[in-house]
Structures are given as structure tokens and as C-alpha cells.
Amino acid sequence: MRRSRVTAAVLLALAGSLAAAPADAPPLPYRLADTGGGSQLITAEAPDSGSTTGTVTWWERRGGRWAEAGSAPARFGANGLAEGATREQGTSTTPTGLYDLPYAFGIEDAPAGTTYPYREVTEDSWWCQDNASRAYNRWVEPRPAHCRAAEAEHLVSYGTQYARALVIGFNYDRPVRGRGAGIFLHVNGRGATAGCVSVPADAMAEILAWADPERGPHIAVGTVSGPTAITRY
């Protein structure tokens, strides 16, 4: 019995040392397959693909090295995260991958210091999610007849979430029908998102004041490990 207990203790100690190893790993940007080529990066990392919460961290190059500029708790889709390349629309999953950030928008004014292109939401602002529309996965203002209201988001109706936001370039440049539309980094609502990434309002304001389009910021979304590990992107 004594030998068994000693062996168990050794195994537990070894497991503990292995679990602590990631703390000695280099900062996350160094472990990604790609950071987008710019000198600013946002990472949105969840514990696993079923998670609805995690961490958003924003990084920048300082003196030739990646350094953390800020961090905040994050929320993901109500059904967790899914591989962006094969995600399906309407699944309430946050697509994983590395994406650019085309522009910002909001119902409220841009935070002081914002240099990112910032579009004001009006009563006529919609995001088209209609797979049959030629405006699929695009801001439309006003909403055209070929984009059905039932298949679009009336942006001004989301006063809390879209107070301020960044468009995530998922399925944006060459939209694939049925893959998904309207994926943003925005302010927290009441709980998990419908597929976006969200952060507290003060963090969203800080990110917008920090983000510099001249520095080519991207966002990497993924999990700690597994097929959707953020380090794959």
C-alpha cells in the first residue's frame, strides 16, 4: 500500500508539473501559425469548442516583440465554437480562424482617439443575412427589397450589443452562401452570443481607441487545443 501511495504521489506531482508547463510558453502570438502580417493582433481564446466564455487579448509589436496591450473576459456563441471553413449559418457557433477587421461601427459615437473607419448606425442600417440576396453578408442602408427583413439584422435594434463593434472578416471577401453572416466583435449582451465574440463595454471602447488600421490588425479565434486550436490559425 505504501508503495502504491508513493507512486500515486509521484504521478500527481508529474501531472501538476506538466499542467504548469504552458505558463512557461512564449506569448500566444508566437505560437500561432499566422498573425496576419500586421503589428497588432487580437486573440479570442476559449477553453474548448463547447465553451461560451473565454478571453480576448489585444497585442502589439513593441521593439520587435509581441507584448500584451490589454485583456478582457469574452463570450462566444451559445453553441460554442466551430471550424470557420465548414461552419453553417444559424448554428449559434462562433467561427474559428484568422480574420481581418474591415471596419468599425456603432450606435454610439466612436471612443476618443479612434482612428479606425467607423460607421454610424442609423434607423436605415441593416446587415443582410439573406442567402438569396446579392447583398449577403453586407451592411445595407436602406435595406433593399431583395434582402428580406426576416433575414437581416436591424442594427439599431441592438442598442447594447451594437453600441460599438468591429466587423470580423469571416466569410466577407467572397461570401459562401449558408456559411454565415454578421460576425462581429461587439459589446456584451445578456449572455452568450449568436456566433459573435463579445466583451464588456469598457473593453470594446479600449480596443477601438487602440486599434490602428495602419498596423494591419487581425483577430484569431480558437480554442486552447484540439481541432480548433487557436495556434492552428
Protein backbone atom coordinates (compact mmCIF):
# COMPACT_ATOMS: atom_id res chain seq x y z
CA MET A 1 0.00 0.00 0.00
CA ARG A 2 2.81 2.41 0.90
CA ARG A 3 4.50 1.84 -2.47
CA SER A 4 1.20 2.46 -4.30
CA ARG A 5 0.70 5.70 -2.41
CA VAL A 6 4.22 6.87 -3.22
CA THR A 7 3.73 6.01 -6.90
CA ALA A 8 0.42 7.87 -6.94
CA ALA A 9 2.03 10.89 -5.32
CA VAL A 10 4.80 10.91 -7.91
CA LEU A 11 2.29 10.67 -10.74
CA LEU A 12 0.24 13.53 -9.30
CA ALA A 13 3.33 15.68 -8.94
CA LEU A 14 4.33 14.91 -12.54
CA ALA A 15 0.84 15.75 -13.79
CA GLY A 16 1.00 19.02 -11.93
CA SER A 17 4.33 19.94 -13.44
CA LEU A 18 3.03 19.13 -16.93
CA ALA A 19 -0.09 21.25 -16.37
CA ALA A 20 2.10 24.15 -15.29
CA ALA A 21 4.32 23.91 -18.37
CA PRO A 22 2.14 26.12 -20.61
CA ALA A 23 2.75 29.02 -18.22
CA ASP A 24 6.37 28.97 -19.41
CA ALA A 25 5.37 29.03 -23.08
CA PRO A 26 6.06 32.15 -25.17
CA PRO A 27 3.25 34.71 -25.56
CA LEU A 28 0.35 33.44 -27.66
CA PRO A 29 1.15 35.36 -30.88
CA TYR A 30 4.45 33.48 -31.16
CA ARG A 31 2.58 30.18 -31.06
CA LEU A 32 0.10 30.98 -33.84
CA ALA A 33 0.62 29.63 -37.34
CA ASP A 34 -0.07 33.14 -38.68
CA THR A 35 -0.74 36.57 -37.16
CA GLY A 36 -1.94 38.30 -40.32
CA GLY A 37 1.27 40.17 -41.10
CA GLY A 38 0.48 43.31 -39.11
CA SER A 39 1.84 44.68 -35.87
CA GLN A 40 -1.46 44.47 -33.95
CA LEU A 41 -3.41 41.31 -33.14
CA ILE A 42 -6.50 40.35 -31.17
CA THR A 43 -6.82 36.79 -29.86
CA ALA A 44 -10.15 35.32 -28.72
CA GLU A 45 -9.46 32.03 -26.96
CA ALA A 46 -11.92 29.58 -25.40
CA PRO A 47 -11.10 26.54 -23.24
CA ASP A 48 -12.77 24.13 -25.72
CA SER A 49 -15.23 24.06 -28.61
CA GLY A 50 -18.22 23.76 -26.28
CA SER A 51 -17.30 26.85 -24.28
CA THR A 52 -19.36 30.02 -24.30
CA THR A 53 -16.77 32.07 -22.40
CA GLY A 54 -13.06 32.72 -22.67
CA THR A 55 -10.59 35.58 -23.03
CA VAL A 56 -9.96 38.32 -25.56
CA THR A 57 -6.44 39.77 -25.52
CA TRP A 58 -5.05 42.50 -27.72
CA TRP A 59 -1.36 42.51 -28.61
CA GLU A 60 1.07 44.80 -30.38
CA ARG A 61 4.64 44.71 -31.59
CA ARG A 62 6.96 46.74 -29.37
CA GLY A 63 10.65 46.83 -30.11
CA GLY A 64 10.25 43.91 -32.48
CA ARG A 65 8.47 41.71 -29.94
CA TRP A 66 4.82 40.90 -29.23
CA ALA A 67 3.52 42.43 -25.99
CA GLU A 68 0.10 42.33 -24.36
CA ALA A 69 -1.75 45.65 -24.57
CA GLY A 70 -4.94 44.59 -22.78
CA SER A 71 -7.23 41.71 -21.91
CA ALA A 72 -10.88 41.11 -21.03
CA PRO A 73 -13.31 38.24 -20.43
CA ALA A 74 -15.08 37.19 -23.62
CA ARG A 75 -18.29 35.49 -24.64
CA PHE A 76 -18.81 33.21 -27.62
CA GLY A 77 -21.72 31.55 -29.41
CA ALA A 78 -24.47 29.84 -27.43
CA ASN A 79 -23.38 26.54 -29.00
CA GLY A 80 -19.67 27.17 -28.63
CA LEU A 81 -17.16 27.42 -31.46
CA ALA A 82 -16.91 25.71 -34.85
CA GLU A 83 -14.29 25.50 -37.59
CA GLY A 84 -14.81 28.61 -39.70
CA ALA A 85 -14.13 26.86 -43.01
CA THR A 86 -17.06 24.47 -42.54
CA ARG A 87 -19.36 26.38 -40.17
CA GLU A 88 -23.06 26.53 -41.04
CA GLN A 89 -25.29 29.56 -40.71
CA GLY A 90 -27.87 29.53 -37.93
CA THR A 91 -25.90 27.23 -35.63
CA SER A 92 -25.12 29.89 -32.99
CA THR A 93 -21.45 28.94 -33.13
CA THR A 94 -18.51 31.33 -33.27
CA PRO A 95 -16.31 30.60 -36.32
CA THR A 96 -12.68 29.85 -35.56
CA GLY A 97 -9.87 31.12 -37.75
CA LEU A 98 -7.76 34.18 -38.50
CA TYR A 99 -9.63 37.17 -39.91
CA ASP A 100 -9.09 40.79 -40.82
CA LEU A 101 -11.19 43.59 -39.32
CA PRO A 102 -12.67 45.60 -42.22
CA TYR A 103 -14.23 48.48 -40.24
CA ALA A 104 -15.94 49.50 -37.02
CA PHE A 105 -19.47 50.72 -36.41
CA GLY A 106 -21.78 51.70 -33.62
CA ILE A 107 -24.94 53.30 -32.37
CA GLU A 108 -22.82 55.41 -30.04
CA ASP A 109 -20.04 57.74 -31.16
CA ALA A 110 -16.58 56.30 -31.63
CA PRO A 111 -14.43 56.47 -28.48
CA ALA A 112 -11.96 59.33 -28.23
CA GLY A 113 -8.78 58.52 -30.10
CA THR A 114 -10.40 56.12 -32.58
CA THR A 115 -8.63 56.09 -35.97
CA TYR A 116 -10.39 53.02 -37.37
CA PRO A 117 -13.01 53.63 -40.09
CA TYR A 118 -16.20 53.99 -38.02
CA ARG A 119 -19.70 53.81 -39.47
CA GLU A 120 -22.64 55.31 -37.61
CA VAL A 121 -25.74 53.15 -37.21
CA THR A 122 -28.98 54.84 -38.23
CA GLU A 123 -32.61 53.76 -38.43
CA ASP A 124 -31.92 52.64 -42.00
CA SER A 125 -28.90 50.43 -41.16
CA TRP A 126 -29.27 46.68 -41.68
CA TRP A 127 -26.92 43.70 -42.00
CA CYS A 128 -28.15 41.37 -44.72
CA GLN A 129 -28.09 37.66 -43.88
CA ASP A 130 -30.42 36.60 -46.68
CA ASN A 131 -28.77 33.80 -48.67
CA ALA A 132 -30.86 34.70 -51.70
CA SER A 133 -29.73 38.34 -51.70
CA ARG A 134 -26.86 39.79 -53.70
CA ALA A 135 -26.11 41.83 -50.56
CA TYR A 136 -25.48 38.71 -48.46
CA ASN A 137 -23.19 39.41 -45.50
CA ARG A 138 -23.10 43.14 -46.18
CA TRP A 139 -24.22 46.34 -44.49
CA VAL A 140 -27.16 47.74 -46.42
CA GLU A 141 -28.67 51.19 -45.99
CA PRO A 142 -31.53 51.32 -46.67
CA ARG A 143 -32.48 47.65 -46.85
CA PRO A 144 -33.14 46.64 -50.47
CA ALA A 145 -36.19 44.61 -51.46
CA HIS A 146 -34.02 41.59 -52.36
CA CYS A 147 -32.86 41.34 -48.72
CA ARG A 148 -35.83 40.19 -46.67
CA ALA A 149 -36.29 41.88 -43.30
CA ALA A 150 -36.78 38.49 -41.66
CA GLU A 151 -33.33 37.50 -42.93
CA ALA A 152 -31.49 40.65 -41.84
CA GLU A 153 -30.47 42.38 -38.62
CA HIS A 154 -31.83 45.85 -37.98
CA LEU A 155 -28.66 47.11 -36.32
CA VAL A 156 -30.26 49.93 -34.35
CA SER A 157 -32.45 47.36 -32.57
CA TYR A 158 -29.40 46.04 -30.69
CA GLY A 159 -28.72 49.10 -28.59
CA THR A 160 -26.49 47.32 -26.10
CA GLN A 161 -24.54 44.93 -28.31
CA TYR A 162 -24.01 47.29 -31.22
CA ALA A 163 -23.29 50.36 -29.16
CA ARG A 164 -19.79 49.78 -30.58
CA ALA A 165 -18.42 46.94 -32.67
CA LEU A 166 -15.79 45.75 -35.12
CA VAL A 167 -16.69 43.74 -38.21
CA ILE A 168 -14.87 40.39 -38.23
CA GLY A 169 -13.93 39.46 -41.79
CA PHE A 170 -15.41 35.96 -41.58
CA ASN A 171 -16.98 34.91 -44.91
CA TYR A 172 -16.69 38.51 -46.01
CA ASP A 173 -14.44 38.96 -49.05
CA ARG A 174 -16.04 36.16 -51.08
CA PRO A 175 -19.15 35.14 -49.15
CA VAL A 176 -20.18 31.49 -49.29
CA ARG A 177 -23.94 31.14 -49.02
CA GLY A 178 -25.02 29.29 -45.91
CA ARG A 179 -21.65 29.72 -44.19
CA GLY A 180 -22.75 32.62 -42.00
CA ALA A 181 -23.11 36.38 -41.91
CA GLY A 182 -22.85 39.23 -39.47
CA ILE A 183 -19.99 38.08 -37.24
CA PHE A 184 -18.69 40.92 -35.09
CA LEU A 185 -16.62 41.76 -32.03
CA HIS A 186 -19.16 43.72 -30.01
CA VAL A 187 -20.34 44.71 -26.54
CA ASN A 188 -21.76 42.05 -24.24
CA GLY A 189 -25.49 41.43 -24.21
CA ARG A 190 -27.28 39.38 -21.58
CA GLY A 191 -25.43 36.13 -22.22
CA ALA A 192 -23.77 34.06 -24.94
CA THR A 193 -23.88 35.39 -28.49
CA ALA A 194 -25.49 34.09 -31.67
CA GLY A 195 -22.00 33.49 -33.11
CA CYS A 196 -20.10 36.71 -32.48
CA VAL A 197 -17.39 37.46 -29.92
CA SER A 198 -18.35 39.93 -27.21
CA VAL A 199 -16.58 41.81 -24.44
CA PRO A 200 -17.58 44.33 -21.74
CA ALA A 201 -18.37 47.86 -22.96
CA ASP A 202 -15.24 49.41 -21.47
CA ALA A 203 -13.04 46.80 -23.16
CA MET A 204 -14.72 47.42 -26.52
CA ALA A 205 -14.06 51.14 -26.16
CA GLU A 206 -10.43 50.46 -25.26
CA ILE A 207 -9.96 48.16 -28.25
CA LEU A 208 -11.39 50.74 -30.66
CA ALA A 209 -9.18 53.51 -29.30
CA TRP A 210 -6.17 51.16 -29.56
CA ALA A 211 -6.74 49.61 -33.00
CA ASP A 212 -4.79 51.31 -35.76
CA PRO A 213 -5.72 50.41 -39.36
CA GLU A 214 -2.19 51.34 -40.46
CA ARG A 215 -0.87 48.48 -38.31
CA GLY A 216 -2.97 45.79 -40.01
CA PRO A 217 -4.80 44.30 -37.04
CA HIS A 218 -6.35 40.83 -37.31
CA ILE A 219 -8.31 38.64 -34.95
CA ALA A 220 -7.52 34.98 -34.26
CA VAL A 221 -10.37 32.93 -32.79
CA GLY A 222 -9.97 29.42 -31.45
CA THR A 223 -9.66 27.02 -28.56
CA VAL A 224 -6.78 26.12 -26.25
CA SER A 225 -6.25 22.79 -28.01
CA GLY A 226 -7.86 20.28 -30.34
CA PRO A 227 -9.00 20.59 -33.99
CA THR A 228 -10.00 24.23 -33.49
CA ALA A 229 -6.88 25.22 -31.52
CA ILE A 230 -6.10 28.90 -31.95
CA THR A 231 -2.46 28.01 -32.65
CA ARG A 232 -3.53 26.39 -35.95
CA TYR A 233 -4.51 29.71 -37.46
